């Protein structure tokens, strides 16, 4: 499992989600934060989703052990992206509306363009490419002025190797 920040609202609230098995997983607490509604409202929507047969609880809920601030370990339900989207289309709040606008844009991009872009990831990759280009420029200029020793050659290969992993 890995954790990423995937959804940002008005540049202020950012939700960190767990990614595992090609989906994201949010706890009830994160759903409450995402949609800015009371826990009971979110729980009611989640229960209705299962009661109405929209989603199968066994397929979209995972229990994970979580250590609370009191030091005790609790089993916490995590809901996958299917639940998040279903709640997002049921919830009546400004955040719910913002989420639907965002989700519709992503869905539209996939349907019309065949892809959707994560601009934060692209910007980071662009910065890495610029850094790599600068490093290559420096290496070129130093190669033109003298031959590299064995240690310098190893260092150069190490830098190139590090950048190739960073761009992967």
N, C-alpha and C. Protein backbone atom coordinates (compact mmCIF):
# COMPACT_ATOMS: atom_id res chain seq x y z
N UNK A 1 0.84 -1.19 0.00
CA UNK A 1 0.00 0.00 0.00
C UNK A 1 0.88 1.24 0.00
N UNK A 2 0.43 2.25 -0.67
CA UNK A 2 1.14 3.51 -0.64
C UNK A 2 0.14 4.62 -0.38
N UNK A 3 0.63 5.75 0.08
CA UNK A 3 -0.25 6.86 0.38
C UNK A 3 0.08 8.02 -0.55
N UNK A 4 -0.97 8.61 -1.13
CA UNK A 4 -0.78 9.76 -2.00
C UNK A 4 -1.82 10.81 -1.67
N UNK A 5 -1.52 12.03 -2.05
CA UNK A 5 -2.49 13.11 -1.94
C UNK A 5 -3.11 13.26 -3.31
N UNK A 6 -4.41 13.08 -3.38
CA UNK A 6 -5.01 13.00 -4.71
C UNK A 6 -6.06 14.07 -4.97
N UNK A 7 -6.65 14.62 -3.96
CA UNK A 7 -7.78 15.51 -4.19
C UNK A 7 -7.60 16.76 -3.36
N UNK A 8 -7.68 17.90 -4.02
CA UNK A 8 -7.50 19.17 -3.33
C UNK A 8 -8.70 20.05 -3.61
N UNK A 9 -9.20 20.70 -2.56
CA UNK A 9 -10.37 21.54 -2.67
C UNK A 9 -9.96 22.99 -2.42
N UNK A 10 -10.16 23.84 -3.40
CA UNK A 10 -9.87 25.27 -3.28
C UNK A 10 -8.46 25.55 -2.78
N UNK A 11 -7.53 24.66 -3.07
CA UNK A 11 -6.14 24.87 -2.66
C UNK A 11 -5.92 24.78 -1.17
N UNK A 12 -6.94 24.36 -0.41
CA UNK A 12 -6.82 24.35 1.05
C UNK A 12 -6.81 22.92 1.59
N UNK A 13 -7.89 22.20 1.40
CA UNK A 13 -8.02 20.86 1.96
C UNK A 13 -7.46 19.85 0.98
N UNK A 14 -6.58 19.00 1.48
CA UNK A 14 -5.98 17.97 0.66
C UNK A 14 -6.21 16.64 1.38
N UNK A 15 -6.73 15.66 0.68
CA UNK A 15 -7.05 14.38 1.28
C UNK A 15 -5.95 13.38 0.91
N UNK A 16 -5.32 12.77 1.92
CA UNK A 16 -4.35 11.71 1.67
C UNK A 16 -5.09 10.40 1.64
N UNK A 17 -4.88 9.64 0.58
CA UNK A 17 -5.59 8.38 0.43
C UNK A 17 -4.60 7.24 0.30
N UNK A 18 -5.04 6.05 0.66
CA UNK A 18 -4.23 4.86 0.52
C UNK A 18 -4.55 4.21 -0.82
N UNK A 19 -3.51 3.86 -1.56
CA UNK A 19 -3.69 3.21 -2.85
C UNK A 19 -3.23 1.77 -2.71
N UNK A 20 -4.13 0.84 -3.07
CA UNK A 20 -3.82 -0.58 -3.00
C UNK A 20 -4.75 -1.30 -3.95
N UNK A 21 -4.24 -2.29 -4.65
CA UNK A 21 -5.04 -3.10 -5.57
C UNK A 21 -5.77 -2.23 -6.59
N UNK A 22 -5.05 -1.27 -7.16
CA UNK A 22 -5.54 -0.41 -8.23
C UNK A 22 -6.78 0.41 -7.87
N UNK A 23 -6.91 0.78 -6.61
CA UNK A 23 -7.99 1.68 -6.20
C UNK A 23 -7.51 2.48 -5.00
N UNK A 24 -8.27 3.49 -4.65
CA UNK A 24 -7.96 4.28 -3.46
C UNK A 24 -8.89 3.83 -2.33
N UNK A 25 -8.43 4.01 -1.10
CA UNK A 25 -9.19 3.59 0.08
C UNK A 25 -9.26 4.75 1.05
N UNK A 26 -10.47 5.10 1.46
CA UNK A 26 -10.69 6.16 2.44
C UNK A 26 -11.47 5.63 3.63
N UNK A 27 -11.13 6.11 4.81
CA UNK A 27 -11.88 5.77 6.01
C UNK A 27 -13.12 6.64 6.09
N UNK A 28 -14.01 6.30 6.99
CA UNK A 28 -15.21 7.12 7.20
C UNK A 28 -14.81 8.54 7.60
N UNK A 29 -13.79 8.64 8.43
CA UNK A 29 -13.29 9.97 8.85
C UNK A 29 -12.83 10.79 7.64
N UNK A 30 -12.15 10.15 6.68
CA UNK A 30 -11.70 10.86 5.49
C UNK A 30 -12.88 11.26 4.60
N UNK A 31 -13.89 10.39 4.52
CA UNK A 31 -15.09 10.73 3.75
C UNK A 31 -15.80 11.94 4.37
N UNK A 32 -15.84 11.98 5.70
CA UNK A 32 -16.43 13.12 6.41
C UNK A 32 -15.68 14.40 6.05
N UNK A 33 -14.35 14.33 6.04
CA UNK A 33 -13.52 15.50 5.69
C UNK A 33 -13.70 15.88 4.22
N UNK A 34 -13.71 14.88 3.36
CA UNK A 34 -13.84 15.13 1.92
C UNK A 34 -15.13 15.85 1.58
N UNK A 35 -16.24 15.38 2.14
CA UNK A 35 -17.54 15.93 1.77
C UNK A 35 -18.07 16.96 2.77
N UNK A 36 -17.31 17.20 3.85
CA UNK A 36 -17.66 18.23 4.84
C UNK A 36 -19.09 18.04 5.37
N UNK A 37 -19.39 16.80 5.73
CA UNK A 37 -20.70 16.47 6.30
C UNK A 37 -20.47 15.67 7.58
N UNK A 38 -21.50 15.60 8.40
CA UNK A 38 -21.45 14.88 9.65
C UNK A 38 -21.25 13.38 9.40
N UNK A 39 -20.61 12.72 10.35
CA UNK A 39 -20.34 11.28 10.24
C UNK A 39 -21.63 10.49 10.03
N UNK A 40 -22.70 10.88 10.70
CA UNK A 40 -23.96 10.15 10.58
C UNK A 40 -24.53 10.26 9.16
N UNK A 41 -24.34 11.40 8.52
CA UNK A 41 -24.84 11.60 7.15
C UNK A 41 -24.08 10.69 6.18
N UNK A 42 -22.76 10.67 6.32
CA UNK A 42 -21.95 9.82 5.44
C UNK A 42 -22.29 8.35 5.68
N UNK A 43 -22.40 7.95 6.94
CA UNK A 43 -22.74 6.56 7.27
C UNK A 43 -24.08 6.16 6.67
N UNK A 44 -25.05 7.04 6.75
CA UNK A 44 -26.38 6.76 6.20
C UNK A 44 -26.29 6.53 4.69
N UNK A 45 -25.52 7.38 3.99
CA UNK A 45 -25.37 7.22 2.54
C UNK A 45 -24.67 5.89 2.22
N UNK A 46 -23.62 5.58 2.96
CA UNK A 46 -22.88 4.33 2.73
C UNK A 46 -23.81 3.14 2.96
N UNK A 47 -24.55 3.15 4.05
CA UNK A 47 -25.47 2.04 4.33
C UNK A 47 -26.55 1.92 3.26
N UNK A 48 -27.05 3.05 2.76
CA UNK A 48 -28.06 3.02 1.69
C UNK A 48 -27.49 2.43 0.40
N UNK A 49 -26.24 2.73 0.12
CA UNK A 49 -25.58 2.18 -1.07
C UNK A 49 -25.58 0.65 -1.01
N UNK A 50 -25.30 0.10 0.16
CA UNK A 50 -25.29 -1.35 0.31
C UNK A 50 -26.71 -1.92 0.37
N UNK A 51 -27.60 -1.26 1.08
CA UNK A 51 -28.98 -1.72 1.23
C UNK A 51 -29.69 -1.77 -0.12
N UNK A 52 -29.43 -0.77 -0.97
CA UNK A 52 -30.08 -0.70 -2.28
C UNK A 52 -29.42 -1.60 -3.32
N UNK A 53 -28.32 -2.24 -2.96
CA UNK A 53 -27.64 -3.15 -3.87
C UNK A 53 -26.80 -2.47 -4.93
N UNK A 54 -26.52 -1.18 -4.74
CA UNK A 54 -25.68 -0.47 -5.72
C UNK A 54 -24.28 -1.06 -5.74
N UNK A 55 -23.77 -1.40 -4.57
CA UNK A 55 -22.45 -2.01 -4.45
C UNK A 55 -22.52 -3.16 -3.44
N UNK A 56 -21.64 -4.15 -3.62
CA UNK A 56 -21.54 -5.28 -2.70
C UNK A 56 -20.50 -4.94 -1.63
N UNK A 57 -20.95 -4.90 -0.39
CA UNK A 57 -20.09 -4.51 0.74
C UNK A 57 -18.78 -5.32 0.76
N UNK A 58 -18.85 -6.61 0.50
CA UNK A 58 -17.66 -7.47 0.57
C UNK A 58 -16.62 -7.12 -0.49
N UNK A 59 -17.05 -6.47 -1.56
CA UNK A 59 -16.13 -6.14 -2.65
C UNK A 59 -15.48 -4.76 -2.50
N UNK A 60 -16.09 -3.89 -1.69
CA UNK A 60 -15.64 -2.50 -1.68
C UNK A 60 -15.22 -1.99 -0.30
N UNK A 61 -15.24 -2.86 0.72
CA UNK A 61 -14.85 -2.47 2.08
C UNK A 61 -13.71 -3.36 2.53
N UNK A 62 -12.69 -2.75 3.11
CA UNK A 62 -11.57 -3.50 3.68
C UNK A 62 -11.37 -3.03 5.12
N UNK A 63 -11.05 -3.95 5.99
CA UNK A 63 -10.76 -3.60 7.38
C UNK A 63 -9.24 -3.53 7.55
N UNK A 64 -8.79 -2.45 8.16
CA UNK A 64 -7.37 -2.28 8.45
C UNK A 64 -7.21 -1.94 9.92
N UNK A 65 -6.22 -2.54 10.54
CA UNK A 65 -5.92 -2.23 11.93
C UNK A 65 -5.27 -0.85 12.00
N UNK A 66 -5.81 0.01 12.87
CA UNK A 66 -5.30 1.37 13.02
C UNK A 66 -5.07 1.65 14.50
N UNK A 67 -3.94 2.24 14.81
CA UNK A 67 -3.64 2.60 16.19
C UNK A 67 -4.12 4.02 16.45
N UNK A 68 -4.99 4.16 17.45
CA UNK A 68 -5.57 5.46 17.79
C UNK A 68 -4.63 6.22 18.73
N UNK A 69 -5.00 7.46 19.00
CA UNK A 69 -4.17 8.31 19.87
C UNK A 69 -4.09 7.76 21.29
N UNK A 70 -5.05 6.91 21.68
CA UNK A 70 -5.02 6.31 23.02
C UNK A 70 -4.10 5.09 23.09
N UNK A 71 -3.46 4.76 21.94
CA UNK A 71 -2.53 3.65 21.90
C UNK A 71 -3.18 2.31 21.60
N UNK A 72 -4.50 2.27 21.57
CA UNK A 72 -5.21 1.02 21.28
C UNK A 72 -5.32 0.82 19.78
N UNK A 73 -5.42 -0.45 19.38
CA UNK A 73 -5.57 -0.79 17.97
C UNK A 73 -7.03 -1.12 17.69
N UNK A 74 -7.56 -0.52 16.63
CA UNK A 74 -8.95 -0.73 16.25
C UNK A 74 -8.99 -1.16 14.79
N UNK A 75 -10.00 -1.99 14.45
CA UNK A 75 -10.27 -2.30 13.05
C UNK A 75 -11.11 -1.18 12.48
N UNK A 76 -10.63 -0.57 11.40
CA UNK A 76 -11.31 0.55 10.77
C UNK A 76 -11.71 0.13 9.36
N UNK A 77 -12.97 0.43 8.99
CA UNK A 77 -13.42 0.17 7.63
C UNK A 77 -12.84 1.21 6.69
N UNK A 78 -12.30 0.74 5.58
CA UNK A 78 -11.85 1.62 4.51
C UNK A 78 -12.70 1.30 3.28
N UNK A 79 -13.13 2.35 2.60
CA UNK A 79 -14.03 2.22 1.46
C UNK A 79 -13.27 2.54 0.19
N UNK A 80 -13.50 1.73 -0.86
CA UNK A 80 -12.74 1.97 -2.09
C UNK A 80 -13.38 3.08 -2.92
N UNK A 81 -12.76 3.36 -4.06
CA UNK A 81 -13.17 4.47 -4.91
C UNK A 81 -14.63 4.36 -5.34
N UNK A 82 -15.12 3.14 -5.55
CA UNK A 82 -16.52 2.98 -5.94
C UNK A 82 -17.46 3.60 -4.91
N UNK A 83 -17.16 3.38 -3.63
CA UNK A 83 -17.99 3.94 -2.55
C UNK A 83 -17.84 5.46 -2.52
N UNK A 84 -16.61 5.94 -2.65
CA UNK A 84 -16.36 7.38 -2.63
C UNK A 84 -17.18 8.07 -3.72
N UNK A 85 -17.16 7.52 -4.92
CA UNK A 85 -17.90 8.12 -6.03
C UNK A 85 -19.41 8.04 -5.76
N UNK A 86 -19.88 6.90 -5.28
CA UNK A 86 -21.31 6.75 -5.00
C UNK A 86 -21.78 7.74 -3.94
N UNK A 87 -21.00 7.89 -2.87
CA UNK A 87 -21.35 8.87 -1.85
C UNK A 87 -21.29 10.27 -2.45
N UNK A 88 -20.28 10.54 -3.26
CA UNK A 88 -20.13 11.85 -3.88
C UNK A 88 -21.30 12.27 -4.73
N UNK A 89 -21.98 11.30 -5.34
CA UNK A 89 -23.15 11.62 -6.16
C UNK A 89 -24.44 11.64 -5.36
N UNK A 90 -24.39 11.29 -4.09
CA UNK A 90 -25.58 11.32 -3.23
C UNK A 90 -25.57 12.52 -2.28
N UNK A 91 -24.40 12.96 -1.91
CA UNK A 91 -24.26 13.97 -0.85
C UNK A 91 -24.71 15.34 -1.33
N UNK A 92 -25.36 16.05 -0.45
CA UNK A 92 -25.79 17.41 -0.77
C UNK A 92 -24.99 18.38 0.11
N UNK A 93 -23.94 18.89 -0.48
CA UNK A 93 -23.10 19.88 0.19
C UNK A 93 -22.28 20.59 -0.87
N UNK A 94 -21.68 21.70 -0.50
CA UNK A 94 -20.82 22.41 -1.45
C UNK A 94 -19.65 21.52 -1.86
N UNK A 95 -19.09 20.79 -0.89
CA UNK A 95 -17.99 19.89 -1.21
C UNK A 95 -18.44 18.76 -2.12
N UNK A 96 -19.66 18.28 -1.90
CA UNK A 96 -20.20 17.24 -2.77
C UNK A 96 -20.30 17.75 -4.20
N UNK A 97 -20.78 18.98 -4.35
CA UNK A 97 -20.87 19.59 -5.68
C UNK A 97 -19.48 19.74 -6.29
N UNK A 98 -18.52 20.22 -5.52
CA UNK A 98 -17.15 20.36 -6.02
C UNK A 98 -16.59 19.01 -6.46
N UNK A 99 -16.86 17.99 -5.65
CA UNK A 99 -16.39 16.65 -5.99
C UNK A 99 -17.00 16.17 -7.29
N UNK A 100 -18.32 16.37 -7.47
CA UNK A 100 -18.99 15.93 -8.70
C UNK A 100 -18.43 16.65 -9.92
N UNK A 101 -18.17 17.96 -9.78
CA UNK A 101 -17.57 18.72 -10.89
C UNK A 101 -16.21 18.13 -11.25
N UNK A 102 -15.39 17.87 -10.23
CA UNK A 102 -14.07 17.28 -10.44
C UNK A 102 -14.19 15.90 -11.07
N UNK A 103 -15.05 15.05 -10.52
CA UNK A 103 -15.21 13.68 -11.03
C UNK A 103 -15.73 13.69 -12.46
N UNK A 104 -16.67 14.57 -12.77
CA UNK A 104 -17.20 14.66 -14.13
C UNK A 104 -16.12 15.08 -15.12
N UNK A 105 -15.25 16.01 -14.70
CA UNK A 105 -14.17 16.46 -15.58
C UNK A 105 -13.21 15.31 -15.87
N UNK A 106 -12.84 14.56 -14.83
CA UNK A 106 -11.93 13.43 -15.03
C UNK A 106 -12.58 12.39 -15.93
N UNK A 107 -13.85 12.08 -15.67
CA UNK A 107 -14.56 11.10 -16.49
C UNK A 107 -14.67 11.57 -17.94
N UNK A 108 -14.97 12.84 -18.12
CA UNK A 108 -15.09 13.41 -19.47
C UNK A 108 -13.75 13.30 -20.21
N UNK A 109 -12.64 13.61 -19.50
CA UNK A 109 -11.32 13.50 -20.12
C UNK A 109 -11.06 12.07 -20.60
N UNK A 110 -11.40 11.10 -19.78
CA UNK A 110 -11.19 9.70 -20.17
C UNK A 110 -12.05 9.32 -21.37
N UNK A 111 -13.30 9.75 -21.35
CA UNK A 111 -14.21 9.37 -22.43
C UNK A 111 -13.89 10.08 -23.74
N UNK A 112 -13.56 11.37 -23.67
CA UNK A 112 -13.33 12.15 -24.88
C UNK A 112 -11.90 12.01 -25.38
N UNK A 113 -10.93 12.18 -24.48
CA UNK A 113 -9.52 12.16 -24.87
C UNK A 113 -8.90 10.76 -24.79
N UNK A 114 -9.49 9.92 -23.94
CA UNK A 114 -8.90 8.60 -23.71
C UNK A 114 -7.91 8.61 -22.57
N UNK A 115 -7.77 9.74 -21.90
CA UNK A 115 -6.84 9.85 -20.77
C UNK A 115 -7.22 11.07 -19.94
N UNK A 116 -6.65 11.12 -18.74
CA UNK A 116 -6.78 12.29 -17.87
C UNK A 116 -5.40 12.59 -17.32
N UNK A 117 -5.09 13.85 -17.12
CA UNK A 117 -3.75 14.24 -16.68
C UNK A 117 -3.75 14.66 -15.22
N UNK A 118 -2.70 14.25 -14.51
CA UNK A 118 -2.46 14.71 -13.15
C UNK A 118 -1.40 15.80 -13.27
N UNK A 119 -1.83 17.04 -13.20
CA UNK A 119 -0.93 18.17 -13.46
C UNK A 119 0.18 18.30 -12.41
N UNK A 120 -0.08 17.88 -11.17
CA UNK A 120 0.97 17.93 -10.14
C UNK A 120 2.10 16.97 -10.48
N UNK A 121 1.74 15.76 -10.91
CA UNK A 121 2.76 14.77 -11.27
C UNK A 121 3.53 15.24 -12.49
N UNK A 122 2.83 15.80 -13.47
CA UNK A 122 3.51 16.30 -14.67
C UNK A 122 4.47 17.44 -14.33
N UNK A 123 4.05 18.34 -13.46
CA UNK A 123 4.92 19.46 -13.07
C UNK A 123 6.18 18.95 -12.37
N UNK A 124 6.03 17.95 -11.51
CA UNK A 124 7.19 17.38 -10.81
C UNK A 124 8.13 16.72 -11.80
N UNK A 125 7.59 15.96 -12.74
CA UNK A 125 8.44 15.31 -13.75
C UNK A 125 9.15 16.35 -14.61
N UNK A 126 8.45 17.45 -14.93
CA UNK A 126 9.05 18.52 -15.72
C UNK A 126 10.25 19.12 -14.97
N UNK A 127 10.09 19.35 -13.67
CA UNK A 127 11.20 19.87 -12.85
C UNK A 127 12.37 18.90 -12.86
N UNK A 128 12.09 17.60 -12.75
CA UNK A 128 13.15 16.60 -12.75
C UNK A 128 13.89 16.60 -14.09
N UNK A 129 13.17 16.74 -15.16
CA UNK A 129 13.79 16.78 -16.49
C UNK A 129 14.69 18.00 -16.62
N UNK A 130 14.23 19.14 -16.14
CA UNK A 130 15.05 20.36 -16.20
C UNK A 130 16.33 20.17 -15.38
N UNK A 131 16.20 19.57 -14.18
CA UNK A 131 17.39 19.30 -13.35
C UNK A 131 18.35 18.35 -14.08
N UNK A 132 17.81 17.33 -14.71
CA UNK A 132 18.65 16.39 -15.45
C UNK A 132 19.35 17.08 -16.61
N UNK A 133 18.64 17.93 -17.33
CA UNK A 133 19.25 18.67 -18.44
C UNK A 133 20.38 19.56 -17.93
N UNK A 134 20.17 20.20 -16.80
CA UNK A 134 21.21 21.06 -16.22
C UNK A 134 22.43 20.23 -15.81
N UNK A 135 22.18 19.07 -15.21
CA UNK A 135 23.28 18.19 -14.82
C UNK A 135 24.05 17.73 -16.05
N UNK A 136 23.34 17.36 -17.09
CA UNK A 136 24.01 16.92 -18.32
C UNK A 136 24.83 18.05 -18.92
N UNK A 137 24.30 19.29 -18.88
CA UNK A 137 25.04 20.45 -19.39
C UNK A 137 26.34 20.64 -18.60
N UNK A 138 26.27 20.51 -17.29
CA UNK A 138 27.47 20.67 -16.45
C UNK A 138 28.47 19.56 -16.75
N UNK A 139 27.98 18.34 -16.88
CA UNK A 139 28.86 17.21 -17.17
C UNK A 139 29.53 17.39 -18.52
N UNK A 140 28.76 17.84 -19.52
CA UNK A 140 29.33 18.07 -20.86
C UNK A 140 30.46 19.09 -20.80
N UNK A 141 30.21 20.17 -20.08
CA UNK A 141 31.24 21.22 -20.03
C UNK A 141 32.49 20.73 -19.30
N UNK A 142 32.30 19.90 -18.27
CA UNK A 142 33.48 19.40 -17.55
C UNK A 142 34.21 18.34 -18.38
N UNK A 143 33.47 17.58 -19.19
CA UNK A 143 34.12 16.58 -20.04
C UNK A 143 34.97 17.24 -21.11
N UNK A 144 34.50 18.39 -21.57
CA UNK A 144 35.24 19.10 -22.62
C UNK A 144 36.55 19.67 -22.11
N UNK A 145 36.66 19.88 -20.82
CA UNK A 145 37.86 20.53 -20.30
C UNK A 145 38.93 19.55 -19.83
N UNK A 146 38.56 18.28 -19.54
CA UNK A 146 39.58 17.32 -19.09
C UNK A 146 39.02 15.90 -19.17
N UNK A 147 39.94 14.94 -19.05
CA UNK A 147 39.52 13.55 -18.99
C UNK A 147 39.14 13.24 -17.55
N UNK A 148 38.16 12.34 -17.40
CA UNK A 148 37.71 11.98 -16.06
C UNK A 148 38.55 10.84 -15.50
N UNK A 149 38.79 10.92 -14.19
CA UNK A 149 39.47 9.82 -13.51
C UNK A 149 38.45 8.71 -13.28
N UNK A 150 38.89 7.58 -12.78
CA UNK A 150 38.00 6.45 -12.50
C UNK A 150 36.92 6.83 -11.50
N UNK A 151 37.31 7.55 -10.45
CA UNK A 151 36.34 7.96 -9.42
C UNK A 151 35.34 8.96 -9.98
N UNK A 152 35.82 9.88 -10.81
CA UNK A 152 34.92 10.86 -11.41
C UNK A 152 33.93 10.18 -12.35
N UNK A 153 34.40 9.18 -13.08
CA UNK A 153 33.52 8.44 -13.98
C UNK A 153 32.44 7.71 -13.20
N UNK A 154 32.82 7.09 -12.08
CA UNK A 154 31.85 6.40 -11.23
C UNK A 154 30.83 7.39 -10.69
N UNK A 155 31.28 8.55 -10.27
CA UNK A 155 30.38 9.58 -9.76
C UNK A 155 29.39 10.03 -10.82
N UNK A 156 29.88 10.22 -12.04
CA UNK A 156 29.04 10.63 -13.15
C UNK A 156 27.98 9.56 -13.43
N UNK A 157 28.38 8.30 -13.47
CA UNK A 157 27.43 7.22 -13.70
C UNK A 157 26.39 7.15 -12.57
N UNK A 158 26.83 7.41 -11.36
CA UNK A 158 25.91 7.41 -10.22
C UNK A 158 24.85 8.50 -10.36
N UNK A 159 25.26 9.68 -10.78
CA UNK A 159 24.31 10.79 -10.97
C UNK A 159 23.31 10.44 -12.06
N UNK A 160 23.79 9.94 -13.17
CA UNK A 160 22.89 9.57 -14.28
C UNK A 160 21.93 8.48 -13.83
N UNK A 161 22.45 7.50 -13.11
CA UNK A 161 21.61 6.40 -12.61
C UNK A 161 20.52 6.93 -11.67
N UNK A 162 20.90 7.81 -10.73
CA UNK A 162 19.94 8.39 -9.80
C UNK A 162 18.83 9.12 -10.53
N UNK A 163 19.18 9.89 -11.54
CA UNK A 163 18.17 10.63 -12.30
C UNK A 163 17.27 9.69 -13.09
N UNK A 164 17.84 8.62 -13.63
CA UNK A 164 17.00 7.71 -14.41
C UNK A 164 15.96 7.05 -13.52
N UNK A 165 16.31 6.75 -12.25
CA UNK A 165 15.33 6.19 -11.31
C UNK A 165 14.29 7.24 -10.93
N UNK A 166 14.73 8.47 -10.77
CA UNK A 166 13.80 9.54 -10.38
C UNK A 166 12.76 9.80 -11.47
N UNK A 167 13.14 9.59 -12.72
CA UNK A 167 12.22 9.85 -13.83
C UNK A 167 11.31 8.66 -14.14
N UNK A 168 11.61 7.52 -13.54
CA UNK A 168 10.80 6.32 -13.81
C UNK A 168 9.42 6.41 -13.20
